[in-house]
Amino acid sequence: MGKSDTADTAVSRPRWRARLLLLGTVCIAALAIGELLLRVVLGLGNPPLMVKHPEIGYMFKANQHLMRFGNRIVYNQFHQRSDPASATPPQGTWRVLMIGDSVTNGGALTDQDDTISEQLERLLTDDGPVEVLAASAGSWSVGNEAAYIAEFGLLGSRTLIWQISSDDLVHSKSLGEGVGKSPSVPTERPLLAWQEMLSRYALPLVRSILTSQPSARPSAGQPASDLEAFDECLKYFAEAMHLVQQSGARCVVLLDPDRVELAEGPRYPLLRAQFTAFAQQHGALVVDLLDSWGPDEAVFYRGRVHLTPQGNRAVARRLADALHELEASGTVQDAQ
């Protein structure tokens, strides 16, 4: 190697170091800007947090106020997706407690004002002062919901709306084994928004694409495990209805279908009919959306189970009619 080659190599080394330094600086700046945008625009890095409970299984942590994907999310001191509320309603206020799974909750893709409970509250304002509270969490079953009622009571509500999806009829009580372990049910905030985006959204999406299989509709015969879960569902429902009746309140059961059921009929027709009769025997008014919804209402859904704001409005209108029916019957007692 000549003197000129050695000189060129000596000059090129600082240039490559400078380029690597510049590239590293650009990458760090891009990550930092991305982190800021993920937090400010999407609300990542600040997810709704969960807590475990020995009887309820799990629920959203109390007193949370945050923004996710441009939507306002609030959880009050009773772990409800509702604004802060007193332990008993103000004098003269009609309080309604709605309890259910992710359909009632709405999730992070639904703004607080677009949830079923908030829309129902607005529809009932012509009847005077009203509060509609919403106790809910994704994958809650009848057992989880009954445990919530046993733990917190009805908080002075004179009406309970109990939202039950078809799958809830054969869904055993969720104990929250994944709470704090799965990124979808965190108990603490992640260190970085990038971390949440990758672990909670990007990687699960890639896995679902790689392992996706066509879903099979259940056969006509009911598996033994489903029947055991259904018996458990009836037991929990009866226990909770005993507490509801003791409080002097009335119950509206909302049976909501998923989008597939609109076209193909109820997933568990025999169990659905049996549960309807059981709920009526326990004094509940049953509102089955399959009685009035069909394939045209598929526009109310985002995905198979969850509803759009338009779908939530349609449910709220149906519930308002049901509550007015109870009021007109003169059988609803004031639980205060």
C-alpha atoms as a PDB file:
ATOM      1  CA  MET A   1       0.000   0.000   0.000  1.00  0.00           C
ATOM      2  CA  GLY A   2       1.426   3.371  -1.041  1.00  0.00           C
ATOM      3  CA  LYS A   3       1.523   6.570   0.942  1.00  0.00           C
ATOM      4  CA  SER A   4      -1.466   7.953  -0.976  1.00  0.00           C
ATOM      5  CA  ASP A   5      -3.618   4.890  -0.144  1.00  0.00           C
ATOM      6  CA  THR A   6      -2.743   5.171   3.528  1.00  0.00           C
ATOM      7  CA  ALA A   7      -3.627   8.849   3.494  1.00  0.00           C
ATOM      8  CA  ASP A   8      -6.974   8.171   1.789  1.00  0.00           C
ATOM      9  CA  THR A   9      -7.817   5.505   4.391  1.00  0.00           C
ATOM     10  CA  ALA A  10      -6.938   7.860   7.225  1.00  0.00           C
ATOM     11  CA  VAL A  11      -9.207  10.540   5.770  1.00  0.00           C
ATOM     12  CA  SER A  12     -12.100   8.142   5.060  1.00  0.00           C
ATOM     13  CA  ARG A  13     -12.256   6.822   8.646  1.00  0.00           C
ATOM     14  CA  PRO A  14     -13.364  10.159  10.165  1.00  0.00           C
ATOM     15  CA  ARG A  15     -15.906  10.534   7.349  1.00  0.00           C
ATOM     16  CA  TRP A  16     -17.466   7.135   8.078  1.00  0.00           C
ATOM     17  CA  ARG A  17     -17.500   7.888  11.787  1.00  0.00           C
ATOM     18  CA  ALA A  18     -19.258  11.172  11.082  1.00  0.00           C
ATOM     19  CA  ARG A  19     -21.782   9.446   8.842  1.00  0.00           C
ATOM     20  CA  LEU A  20     -22.484   6.750  11.433  1.00  0.00           C
ATOM     21  CA  LEU A  21     -22.844   9.422  14.111  1.00  0.00           C
ATOM     22  CA  LEU A  22     -25.264  11.347  11.878  1.00  0.00           C
ATOM     23  CA  LEU A  23     -27.241   8.189  11.105  1.00  0.00           C
ATOM     24  CA  GLY A  24     -27.449   7.312  14.806  1.00  0.00           C
ATOM     25  CA  THR A  25     -28.577  10.842  15.640  1.00  0.00           C
ATOM     26  CA  VAL A  26     -31.283  10.721  12.946  1.00  0.00           C
ATOM     27  CA  CYS A  27     -32.506   7.325  14.187  1.00  0.00           C
ATOM     28  CA  ILE A  28     -32.672   8.494  17.784  1.00  0.00           C
ATOM     29  CA  ALA A  29     -34.472  11.677  16.749  1.00  0.00           C
ATOM     30  CA  ALA A  30     -36.950   9.662  14.652  1.00  0.00           C
ATOM     31  CA  LEU A  31     -37.646   7.311  17.558  1.00  0.00           C
ATOM     32  CA  ALA A  32     -38.098  10.242  19.933  1.00  0.00           C
ATOM     33  CA  ILE A  33     -40.458  12.061  17.557  1.00  0.00           C
ATOM     34  CA  GLY A  34     -42.331   8.794  16.968  1.00  0.00           C
ATOM     35  CA  GLU A  35     -42.613   8.256  20.716  1.00  0.00           C
ATOM     36  CA  LEU A  36     -44.060  11.743  21.117  1.00  0.00           C
ATOM     37  CA  LEU A  37     -46.555  11.251  18.292  1.00  0.00           C
ATOM     38  CA  LEU A  38     -47.636   7.833  19.567  1.00  0.00           C
ATOM     39  CA  ARG A  39     -48.315   9.346  22.979  1.00  0.00           C
ATOM     40  CA  VAL A  40     -49.941  12.620  21.930  1.00  0.00           C
ATOM     41  CA  VAL A  41     -51.907  11.467  18.876  1.00  0.00           C
ATOM     42  CA  LEU A  42     -52.789   7.868  19.775  1.00  0.00           C
ATOM     43  CA  GLY A  43     -52.453   7.886  23.552  1.00  0.00           C
ATOM     44  CA  LEU A  44     -50.154   4.853  23.521  1.00  0.00           C
ATOM     45  CA  GLY A  45     -47.969   4.394  26.570  1.00  0.00           C
ATOM     46  CA  ASN A  46     -50.922   5.339  28.797  1.00  0.00           C
ATOM     47  CA  PRO A  47     -53.393   2.435  28.550  1.00  0.00           C
ATOM     48  CA  PRO A  48     -56.438   1.905  30.791  1.00  0.00           C
ATOM     49  CA  LEU A  49     -55.097  -0.149  33.692  1.00  0.00           C
ATOM     50  CA  MET A  50     -56.672  -3.201  35.302  1.00  0.00           C
ATOM     51  CA  VAL A  51     -56.712  -4.511  38.862  1.00  0.00           C
ATOM     52  CA  LYS A  52     -57.369  -7.991  40.172  1.00  0.00           C
ATOM     53  CA  HIS A  53     -60.168  -8.781  42.620  1.00  0.00           C
ATOM     54  CA  PRO A  54     -60.583 -12.029  44.590  1.00  0.00           C
ATOM     55  CA  GLU A  55     -64.300 -12.386  43.755  1.00  0.00           C
ATOM     56  CA  ILE A  56     -64.913 -10.253  40.671  1.00  0.00           C
ATOM     57  CA  GLY A  57     -61.748 -11.539  39.013  1.00  0.00           C
ATOM     58  CA  TYR A  58     -60.605  -8.255  37.539  1.00  0.00           C
ATOM     59  CA  MET A  59     -61.893  -4.792  36.686  1.00  0.00           C
ATOM     60  CA  PHE A  60     -60.602  -1.469  35.481  1.00  0.00           C
ATOM     61  CA  LYS A  61     -58.587   0.513  37.973  1.00  0.00           C
ATOM     62  CA  ALA A  62     -60.566   3.259  39.682  1.00  0.00           C
ATOM     63  CA  ASN A  63     -60.196   6.967  38.936  1.00  0.00           C
ATOM     64  CA  GLN A  64     -58.672   6.964  35.465  1.00  0.00           C
ATOM     65  CA  HIS A  65     -58.987   9.826  32.991  1.00  0.00           C
ATOM     66  CA  LEU A  66     -57.188   9.426  29.670  1.00  0.00           C
ATOM     67  CA  MET A  67     -57.339   9.741  25.897  1.00  0.00           C
ATOM     68  CA  ARG A  68     -56.818   6.798  23.545  1.00  0.00           C
ATOM     69  CA  PHE A  69     -57.031   6.975  19.753  1.00  0.00           C
ATOM     70  CA  GLY A  70     -58.693  10.361  20.096  1.00  0.00           C
ATOM     71  CA  ASN A  71     -61.384   9.023  22.440  1.00  0.00           C
ATOM     72  CA  ARG A  72     -62.045  10.121  26.001  1.00  0.00           C
ATOM     73  CA  ILE A  73     -62.010   7.304  28.564  1.00  0.00           C
ATOM     74  CA  VAL A  74     -63.058   7.778  32.189  1.00  0.00           C
ATOM     75  CA  TYR A  75     -63.351   5.275  35.038  1.00  0.00           C
ATOM     76  CA  ASN A  76     -64.850   6.431  38.311  1.00  0.00           C
ATOM     77  CA  GLN A  77     -64.201   5.397  41.901  1.00  0.00           C
ATOM     78  CA  PHE A  78     -66.477   2.353  41.477  1.00  0.00           C
ATOM     79  CA  HIS A  79     -64.433   1.017  38.542  1.00  0.00           C
ATOM     80  CA  GLN A  80     -67.226   1.974  36.131  1.00  0.00           C
ATOM     81  CA  ARG A  81     -66.790   3.567  32.725  1.00  0.00           C
ATOM     82  CA  SER A  82     -68.698   6.574  33.970  1.00  0.00           C
ATOM     83  CA  ASP A  83     -67.947   9.963  35.432  1.00  0.00           C
ATOM     84  CA  PRO A  84     -67.432  10.117  39.216  1.00  0.00           C
ATOM     85  CA  ALA A  85     -70.646   9.344  41.068  1.00  0.00           C
ATOM     86  CA  SER A  86     -71.873   9.474  44.644  1.00  0.00           C
ATOM     87  CA  ALA A  87     -72.594   6.268  46.568  1.00  0.00           C
ATOM     88  CA  THR A  88     -76.312   7.056  46.313  1.00  0.00           C
ATOM     89  CA  PRO A  89     -78.052   9.182  43.678  1.00  0.00           C
ATOM     90  CA  PRO A  90     -78.957  12.797  44.403  1.00  0.00           C
ATOM     91  CA  GLN A  91     -82.498  13.320  45.664  1.00  0.00           C
ATOM     92  CA  GLY A  92     -85.005  12.988  42.862  1.00  0.00           C
ATOM     93  CA  THR A  93     -82.519  11.444  40.402  1.00  0.00           C
ATOM     94  CA  TRP A  94     -83.380   8.244  38.546  1.00  0.00           C
ATOM     95  CA  ARG A  95     -80.221   6.146  38.633  1.00  0.00           C
ATOM     96  CA  VAL A  96     -79.761   3.201  36.263  1.00  0.00           C
ATOM     97  CA  LEU A  97     -76.896   0.725  36.590  1.00  0.00           C
ATOM     98  CA  MET A  98     -75.844  -1.000  33.389  1.00  0.00           C
ATOM     99  CA  ILE A  99     -73.554  -4.001  33.679  1.00  0.00           C
ATOM    100  CA  GLY A 100     -71.979  -6.100  30.953  1.00  0.00           C
ATOM    101  CA  ASP A 101     -68.906  -7.048  28.975  1.00  0.00           C
ATOM    102  CA  SER A 102     -66.910  -5.210  26.303  1.00  0.00           C
ATOM    103  CA  VAL A 103     -70.107  -4.368  24.396  1.00  0.00           C
ATOM    104  CA  THR A 104     -71.250  -2.232  27.322  1.00  0.00           C
ATOM    105  CA  ASN A 105     -67.744  -0.894  27.878  1.00  0.00           C
ATOM    106  CA  GLY A 106     -67.141   0.138  24.269  1.00  0.00           C
ATOM    107  CA  GLY A 107     -63.371  -0.178  24.516  1.00  0.00           C
ATOM    108  CA  ALA A 108     -60.733   2.332  23.515  1.00  0.00           C
ATOM    109  CA  LEU A 109     -62.229   2.770  20.034  1.00  0.00           C
ATOM    110  CA  THR A 110     -65.413   4.260  21.522  1.00  0.00           C
ATOM    111  CA  ASP A 111     -65.497   7.747  22.994  1.00  0.00           C
ATOM    112  CA  GLN A 112     -67.079   8.063  26.437  1.00  0.00           C
ATOM    113  CA  ASP A 113     -69.977  10.065  24.993  1.00  0.00           C
ATOM    114  CA  ASP A 114     -70.694   7.330  22.429  1.00  0.00           C
ATOM    115  CA  THR A 115     -71.062   4.418  24.867  1.00  0.00           C
ATOM    116  CA  ILE A 116     -74.493   2.841  25.271  1.00  0.00           C
ATOM    117  CA  SER A 117     -74.848   4.124  28.829  1.00  0.00           C
ATOM    118  CA  GLU A 118     -74.030   7.741  27.960  1.00  0.00           C
ATOM    119  CA  GLN A 119     -76.360   7.744  24.964  1.00  0.00           C
ATOM    120  CA  LEU A 120     -79.131   6.170  27.036  1.00  0.00           C
ATOM    121  CA  GLU A 121     -78.699   8.839  29.704  1.00  0.00           C
ATOM    122  CA  ARG A 122     -79.217  11.558  27.098  1.00  0.00           C
ATOM    123  CA  LEU A 123     -82.340   9.825  25.784  1.00  0.00           C
ATOM    124  CA  LEU A 124     -83.847   9.719  29.290  1.00  0.00           C
ATOM    125  CA  THR A 125     -83.236  13.343  30.254  1.00  0.00           C
ATOM    126  CA  ASP A 126     -86.781  14.311  29.283  1.00  0.00           C
ATOM    127  CA  ASP A 127     -87.953  12.149  32.198  1.00  0.00           C
ATOM    128  CA  GLY A 128     -86.115  14.354  34.678  1.00  0.00           C
ATOM    129  CA  PRO A 129     -82.715  14.066  36.393  1.00  0.00           C
ATOM    130  CA  VAL A 130     -81.133  10.735  35.442  1.00  0.00           C
ATOM    131  CA  GLU A 131     -77.797   8.948  35.812  1.00  0.00           C
ATOM    132  CA  VAL A 132     -76.772   5.838  33.885  1.00  0.00           C
ATOM    133  CA  LEU A 133     -73.677   4.136  35.266  1.00  0.00           C
ATOM    134  CA  ALA A 134     -71.750   1.416  33.413  1.00  0.00           C
ATOM    135  CA  ALA A 135     -69.889  -1.376  35.215  1.00  0.00           C
ATOM    136  CA  SER A 136     -68.114  -3.426  32.564  1.00  0.00           C
ATOM    137  CA  ALA A 137     -64.927  -5.071  31.363  1.00  0.00           C
ATOM    138  CA  GLY A 138     -63.890  -7.104  28.377  1.00  0.00           C
ATOM    139  CA  SER A 139     -64.610 -10.857  28.658  1.00  0.00           C
ATOM    140  CA  TRP A 140     -66.658 -10.463  31.819  1.00  0.00           C
ATOM    141  CA  SER A 141     -69.147 -13.293  32.146  1.00  0.00           C
ATOM    142  CA  VAL A 142     -72.373 -13.475  34.135  1.00  0.00           C
ATOM    143  CA  GLY A 143     -70.289 -14.762  37.042  1.00  0.00           C
ATOM    144  CA  ASN A 144     -68.029 -11.698  37.042  1.00  0.00           C
ATOM    145  CA  GLU A 145     -70.994  -9.360  36.760  1.00  0.00           C
ATOM    146  CA  ALA A 146     -72.899 -11.084  39.569  1.00  0.00           C
ATOM    147  CA  ALA A 147     -69.787 -10.776  41.755  1.00  0.00           C
ATOM    148  CA  TYR A 148     -69.615  -7.041  41.010  1.00  0.00           C
ATOM    149  CA  ILE A 149     -73.246  -6.640  42.115  1.00  0.00           C
ATOM    150  CA  ALA A 150     -72.513  -8.602  45.293  1.00  0.00           C
ATOM    151  CA  GLU A 151     -69.454  -6.430  46.034  1.00  0.00           C
ATOM    152  CA  PHE A 152     -70.758  -2.954  45.200  1.00  0.00           C
ATOM    153  CA  GLY A 153     -74.532  -3.364  45.202  1.00  0.00           C
ATOM    154  CA  LEU A 154     -76.699  -1.258  42.909  1.00  0.00           C
ATOM    155  CA  LEU A 155     -75.529   2.075  44.387  1.00  0.00           C
ATOM    156  CA  GLY A 156     -79.090   3.237  44.832  1.00  0.00           C
ATOM    157  CA  SER A 157     -80.159   2.366  41.286  1.00  0.00           C
ATOM    158  CA  ARG A 158     -83.806   1.566  40.883  1.00  0.00           C
ATOM    159  CA  THR A 159     -83.173  -0.150  37.551  1.00  0.00           C
ATOM    160  CA  LEU A 160     -80.496  -2.619  36.467  1.00  0.00           C
ATOM    161  CA  ILE A 161     -79.736  -3.213  32.792  1.00  0.00           C
ATOM    162  CA  TRP A 162     -77.831  -6.463  32.370  1.00  0.00           C
ATOM    163  CA  GLN A 163     -76.215  -6.854  28.938  1.00  0.00           C
ATOM    164  CA  ILE A 164     -75.508 -10.489  28.073  1.00  0.00           C
ATOM    165  CA  SER A 165     -74.032 -11.623  24.761  1.00  0.00           C
ATOM    166  CA  SER A 166     -74.748 -15.029  23.287  1.00  0.00           C
ATOM    167  CA  ASP A 167     -71.275 -16.327  24.127  1.00  0.00           C
ATOM    168  CA  ASP A 168     -71.723 -15.205  27.751  1.00  0.00           C
ATOM    169  CA  LEU A 169     -74.294 -17.971  28.223  1.00  0.00           C
ATOM    170  CA  VAL A 170     -71.521 -20.578  27.915  1.00  0.00           C
ATOM    171  CA  HIS A 171     -68.685 -18.479  29.315  1.00  0.00           C
ATOM    172  CA  SER A 172     -67.334 -19.514  32.708  1.00  0.00           C
ATOM    173  CA  LYS A 173     -66.362 -16.891  35.239  1.00  0.00           C
ATOM    174  CA  SER A 174     -63.141 -15.153  34.196  1.00  0.00           C
ATOM    175  CA  LEU A 175     -60.533 -15.151  36.944  1.00  0.00           C
ATOM    176  CA  GLY A 176     -58.170 -12.729  35.250  1.00  0.00           C
ATOM    177  CA  GLU A 177     -55.196 -15.084  34.939  1.00  0.00           C
ATOM    178  CA  GLY A 178     -53.680 -12.882  32.237  1.00  0.00           C
ATOM    179  CA  VAL A 179     -54.085  -9.593  34.091  1.00  0.00           C
ATOM    180  CA  GLY A 180     -50.683  -7.995  34.484  1.00  0.00           C
ATOM    181  CA  LYS A 181     -49.114 -10.639  32.238  1.00  0.00           C
ATOM    182  CA  SER A 182     -50.726 -10.015  28.862  1.00  0.00           C
ATOM    183  CA  PRO A 183     -50.056  -6.584  27.289  1.00  0.00           C
ATOM    184  CA  SER A 184     -53.790  -6.308  26.519  1.00  0.00           C
ATOM    185  CA  VAL A 185     -54.693  -6.256  30.245  1.00  0.00           C
ATOM    186  CA  PRO A 186     -51.913  -4.222  31.901  1.00  0.00           C
ATOM    187  CA  THR A 187     -51.696  -3.305  35.561  1.00  0.00           C
ATOM    188  CA  GLU A 188     -48.837  -0.834  34.978  1.00  0.00           C
ATOM    189  CA  ARG A 189     -47.970   1.606  32.229  1.00  0.00           C
ATOM    190  CA  PRO A 190     -45.312   0.491  29.765  1.00  0.00           C
ATOM    191  CA  LEU A 191     -42.023   2.359  29.747  1.00  0.00           C
ATOM    192  CA  LEU A 192     -42.400   3.400  26.101  1.00  0.00           C
ATOM    193  CA  ALA A 193     -45.274   3.948  23.701  1.00  0.00           C
ATOM    194  CA  TRP A 194     -43.225   2.031  21.122  1.00  0.00           C
ATOM    195  CA  GLN A 195     -43.171  -0.904  23.515  1.00  0.00           C
ATOM    196  CA  GLU A 196     -46.969  -0.944  23.763  1.00  0.00           C
ATOM    197  CA  MET A 197     -47.442  -0.586  20.019  1.00  0.00           C
ATOM    198  CA  LEU A 198     -45.215  -3.571  19.305  1.00  0.00           C
ATOM    199  CA  SER A 199     -46.287  -5.907  22.134  1.00  0.00           C
ATOM    200  CA  ARG A 200     -50.013  -5.107  22.201  1.00  0.00           C
ATOM    201  CA  TYR A 201     -50.825  -4.415  18.570  1.00  0.00           C
ATOM    202  CA  ALA A 202     -48.138  -5.114  15.953  1.00  0.00           C
ATOM    203  CA  LEU A 203     -46.876  -8.528  17.053  1.00  0.00           C
ATOM    204  CA  PRO A 204     -50.341  -9.996  17.868  1.00  0.00           C
ATOM    205  CA  LEU A 205     -51.565  -8.799  14.455  1.00  0.00           C
ATOM    206  CA  VAL A 206     -48.698 -10.532  12.697  1.00  0.00           C
ATOM    207  CA  ARG A 207     -49.302 -13.735  14.686  1.00  0.00           C
ATOM    208  CA  SER A 208     -53.033 -13.687  13.910  1.00  0.00           C
ATOM    209  CA  ILE A 209     -52.334 -13.295  10.191  1.00  0.00           C
ATOM    210  CA  LEU A 210     -49.838 -16.152  10.181  1.00  0.00           C
ATOM    211  CA  THR A 211     -52.036 -18.517  12.199  1.00  0.00           C
ATOM    212  CA  SER A 212     -55.526 -17.443  11.083  1.00  0.00           C
ATOM    213  CA  GLN A 213     -58.015 -20.193  10.304  1.00  0.00           C
ATOM    214  CA  PRO A 214     -61.635 -19.962   9.200  1.00  0.00           C
ATOM    215  CA  SER A 215     -63.946 -19.916  12.202  1.00  0.00           C
ATOM    216  CA  ALA A 216     -66.328 -22.846  12.493  1.00  0.00           C
ATOM    217  CA  ARG A 217     -69.909 -22.424  13.631  1.00  0.00           C
ATOM    218  CA  PRO A 218     -70.770 -24.682  16.582  1.00  0.00           C
ATOM    219  CA  SER A 219     -72.540 -27.934  15.788  1.00  0.00           C
ATOM    220  CA  ALA A 220     -76.153 -28.584  16.726  1.00  0.00           C
ATOM    221  CA  GLY A 221     -75.082 -30.674  19.699  1.00  0.00           C
ATOM    222  CA  GLN A 222     -73.962 -28.757  22.792  1.00  0.00           C
ATOM    223  CA  PRO A 223     -70.570 -29.739  24.301  1.00  0.00           C
ATOM    224  CA  ALA A 224     -70.706 -30.861  27.917  1.00  0.00           C
ATOM    225  CA  SER A 225     -68.389 -28.015  28.943  1.00  0.00           C
ATOM    226  CA  ASP A 226     -70.853 -25.491  27.482  1.00  0.00           C
ATOM    227  CA  LEU A 227     -73.724 -27.023  29.437  1.00  0.00           C
ATOM    228  CA  GLU A 228     -71.707 -26.851  32.661  1.00  0.00           C
ATOM    229  CA  ALA A 229     -70.891 -23.215  32.014  1.00  0.00           C
ATOM    230  CA  PHE A 230     -74.565 -22.512  31.247  1.00  0.00           C
ATOM    231  CA  ASP A 231     -75.656 -24.053  34.563  1.00  0.00           C
ATOM    232  CA  GLU A 232     -73.056 -21.858  36.271  1.00  0.00           C
ATOM    233  CA  CYS A 233     -74.474 -18.844  34.432  1.00  0.00           C
ATOM    234  CA  LEU A 234     -77.996 -19.582  35.711  1.00  0.00           C
ATOM    235  CA  LYS A 235     -76.721 -19.989  39.268  1.00  0.00           C
ATOM    236  CA  TYR A 236     -74.888 -16.667  39.268  1.00  0.00           C
ATOM    237  CA  PHE A 237     -77.796 -14.891  37.627  1.00  0.00           C
ATOM    238  CA  ALA A 238     -80.263 -16.187  40.236  1.00  0.00           C
ATOM    239  CA  GLU A 239     -77.978 -15.103  43.094  1.00  0.00           C
ATOM    240  CA  ALA A 240     -77.646 -11.594  41.677  1.00  0.00           C
ATOM    241  CA  MET A 241     -81.371 -11.287  40.980  1.00  0.00           C
ATOM    242  CA  HIS A 242     -82.047 -12.089  44.621  1.00  0.00           C
ATOM    243  CA  LEU A 243     -79.958  -9.042  45.583  1.00  0.00           C
ATOM    244  CA  VAL A 244     -81.687  -6.912  42.938  1.00  0.00           C
ATOM    245  CA  GLN A 245     -85.119  -7.821  44.269  1.00  0.00           C
ATOM    246  CA  GLN A 246     -84.007  -7.202  47.846  1.00  0.00           C
ATOM    247  CA  SER A 247     -83.024  -3.669  46.842  1.00  0.00           C
ATOM    248  CA  GLY A 248     -86.478  -3.021  45.379  1.00  0.00           C
ATOM    249  CA  ALA A 249     -85.055  -2.535  41.895  1.00  0.00           C
ATOM    250  CA  ARG A 250     -86.114  -4.055  38.583  1.00  0.00           C
ATOM    251  CA  CYS A 251     -83.985  -5.635  35.891  1.00  0.00           C
ATOM    252  CA  VAL A 252     -83.903  -5.405  32.115  1.00  0.00           C
ATOM    253  CA  VAL A 253     -81.833  -8.152  30.472  1.00  0.00           C
ATOM    254  CA  LEU A 254     -80.390  -7.138  27.115  1.00  0.00           C
ATOM    255  CA  LEU A 255     -79.569 -10.161  24.944  1.00  0.00           C
ATOM    256  CA  ASP A 256     -77.351  -8.897  22.152  1.00  0.00           C
ATOM    257  CA  PRO A 257     -76.287 -10.979  19.138  1.00  0.00           C
ATOM    258  CA  ASP A 258     -73.056 -10.798  17.211  1.00  0.00           C
ATOM    259  CA  ARG A 259     -72.976  -9.899  13.533  1.00  0.00           C
ATOM    260  CA  VAL A 260     -72.930 -13.528  12.333  1.00  0.00           C
ATOM    261  CA  GLU A 261     -76.119 -14.274  14.252  1.00  0.00           C
ATOM    262  CA  LEU A 262     -77.977 -11.537  12.377  1.00  0.00           C
ATOM    263  CA  ALA A 263     -77.680 -13.569   9.186  1.00  0.00           C
ATOM    264  CA  GLU A 264     -77.571 -17.138  10.496  1.00  0.00           C
ATOM    265  CA  GLY A 265     -79.755 -17.031  13.596  1.00  0.00           C
ATOM    266  CA  PRO A 266     -78.887 -17.442  17.286  1.00  0.00           C
ATOM    267  CA  ARG A 267     -75.727 -19.347  18.096  1.00  0.00           C
ATOM    268  CA  TYR A 268     -77.259 -21.264  20.998  1.00  0.00           C
ATOM    269  CA  PRO A 269     -81.019 -21.199  20.287  1.00  0.00           C
ATOM    270  CA  LEU A 270     -82.070 -23.722  22.949  1.00  0.00           C
ATOM    271  CA  LEU A 271     -79.909 -22.213  25.674  1.00  0.00           C
ATOM    272  CA  ARG A 272     -81.013 -18.727  24.688  1.00  0.00           C
ATOM    273  CA  ALA A 273     -84.671 -19.699  24.997  1.00  0.00           C
ATOM    274  CA  GLN A 274     -84.040 -21.457  28.302  1.00  0.00           C
ATOM    275  CA  PHE A 275     -82.196 -18.458  29.718  1.00  0.00           C
ATOM    276  CA  THR A 276     -84.936 -16.082  28.562  1.00  0.00           C
ATOM    277  CA  ALA A 277     -87.575 -18.129  30.405  1.00  0.00           C
ATOM    278  CA  PHE A 278     -85.320 -18.350  33.483  1.00  0.00           C
ATOM    279  CA  ALA A 279     -84.739 -14.576  33.541  1.00  0.00           C
ATOM    280  CA  GLN A 280     -88.455 -13.885  33.171  1.00  0.00           C
ATOM    281  CA  GLN A 281     -89.210 -16.264  36.040  1.00  0.00           C
ATOM    282  CA  HIS A 282     -86.876 -14.140  38.146  1.00  0.00           C
ATOM    283  CA  GLY A 283     -88.769 -10.964  37.309  1.00  0.00           C
ATOM    284  CA  ALA A 284     -86.572  -9.562  34.527  1.00  0.00           C
ATOM    285  CA  LEU A 285     -87.833  -7.934  31.369  1.00  0.00           C
ATOM    286  CA  VAL A 286     -85.883  -9.533  28.516  1.00  0.00           C
ATOM    287  CA  VAL A 287     -85.001  -7.460  25.451  1.00  0.00           C
ATOM    288  CA  ASP A 288     -83.686  -9.762  22.713  1.00  0.00           C
ATOM    289  CA  LEU A 289     -82.253  -7.702  19.869  1.00  0.00           C
ATOM    290  CA  LEU A 290     -82.626 -10.652  17.499  1.00  0.00           C
ATOM    291  CA  ASP A 291     -86.383 -10.063  17.673  1.00  0.00           C
ATOM    292  CA  SER A 292     -85.974  -6.779  15.806  1.00  0.00           C
ATOM    293  CA  TRP A 293     -82.517  -6.900  14.217  1.00  0.00           C
ATOM    294  CA  GLY A 294     -81.582  -8.704  11.022  1.00  0.00           C
ATOM    295  CA  PRO A 295     -78.906  -8.616   8.300  1.00  0.00           C
ATOM    296  CA  ASP A 296     -79.542  -4.913   7.623  1.00  0.00           C
ATOM    297  CA  GLU A 297     -78.275  -4.091  11.118  1.00  0.00           C
ATOM    298  CA  ALA A 298     -74.825  -5.491  10.277  1.00  0.00           C
ATOM    299  CA  VAL A 299     -73.828  -1.841   9.699  1.00  0.00           C
ATOM    300  CA  PHE A 300     -74.047  -1.415  13.488  1.00  0.00           C
ATOM    301  CA  TYR A 301     -70.950  -3.573  14.007  1.00  0.00           C
ATOM    302  CA  ARG A 302     -67.202  -3.045  13.853  1.00  0.00           C
ATOM    303  CA  GLY A 303     -65.929  -6.589  13.739  1.00  0.00           C
ATOM    304  CA  ARG A 304     -67.971  -9.577  14.860  1.00  0.00           C
ATOM    305  CA  VAL A 305     -69.029  -8.458  18.333  1.00  0.00           C
ATOM    306  CA  HIS A 306     -68.473  -4.781  19.044  1.00  0.00           C
ATOM    307  CA  LEU A 307     -70.778  -1.967  18.026  1.00  0.00           C
ATOM    308  CA  THR A 308     -70.195   1.336  16.295  1.00  0.00           C
ATOM    309  CA  PRO A 309     -71.489   4.568  17.857  1.00  0.00           C
ATOM    310  CA  GLN A 310     -74.489   4.193  15.513  1.00  0.00           C
ATOM    311  CA  GLY A 311     -75.086   0.691  16.863  1.00  0.00           C
ATOM    312  CA  ASN A 312     -74.802   1.935  20.436  1.00  0.00           C
ATOM    313  CA  ARG A 313     -77.431   4.576  19.670  1.00  0.00           C
ATOM    314  CA  ALA A 314     -79.779   1.917  18.305  1.00  0.00           C
ATOM    315  CA  VAL A 315     -79.331  -0.167  21.464  1.00  0.00           C
ATOM    316  CA  ALA A 316     -79.845   2.885  23.674  1.00  0.00           C
ATOM    317  CA  ARG A 317     -83.121   3.686  21.907  1.00  0.00           C
ATOM    318  CA  ARG A 318     -84.366   0.129  22.422  1.00  0.00           C
ATOM    319  CA  LEU A 319     -83.397   0.238  26.084  1.00  0.00           C
ATOM    320  CA  ALA A 320     -85.114   3.593  26.566  1.00  0.00           C
ATOM    321  CA  ASP A 321     -88.318   2.048  25.236  1.00  0.00           C
ATOM    322  CA  ALA A 322     -87.935  -0.898  27.619  1.00  0.00           C
ATOM    323  CA  LEU A 323     -87.362   1.368  30.617  1.00  0.00           C
ATOM    324  CA  HIS A 324     -90.401   3.438  29.728  1.00  0.00           C
ATOM    325  CA  GLU A 325     -92.361   0.200  29.507  1.00  0.00           C
ATOM    326  CA  LEU A 326     -91.303  -0.678  33.047  1.00  0.00           C
ATOM    327  CA  GLU A 327     -92.126   2.800  34.292  1.00  0.00           C
ATOM    328  CA  ALA A 328     -95.534   2.716  32.686  1.00  0.00           C
ATOM    329  CA  SER A 329     -96.274  -0.656  34.308  1.00  0.00           C
ATOM    330  CA  GLY A 330     -95.965   0.970  37.711  1.00  0.00           C
ATOM    331  CA  THR A 331     -93.948  -1.942  39.055  1.00  0.00           C
ATOM    332  CA  VAL A 332     -90.598  -0.221  39.369  1.00  0.00           C
ATOM    333  CA  GLN A 333     -89.903   0.719  42.965  1.00  0.00           C
ATOM    334  CA  ASP A 334     -87.561   3.415  44.125  1.00  0.00           C
ATOM    335  CA  ALA A 335     -84.454   1.723  45.546  1.00  0.00           C
ATOM    336  CA  GLN A 336     -83.334   4.741  47.520  1.00  0.00           C
END
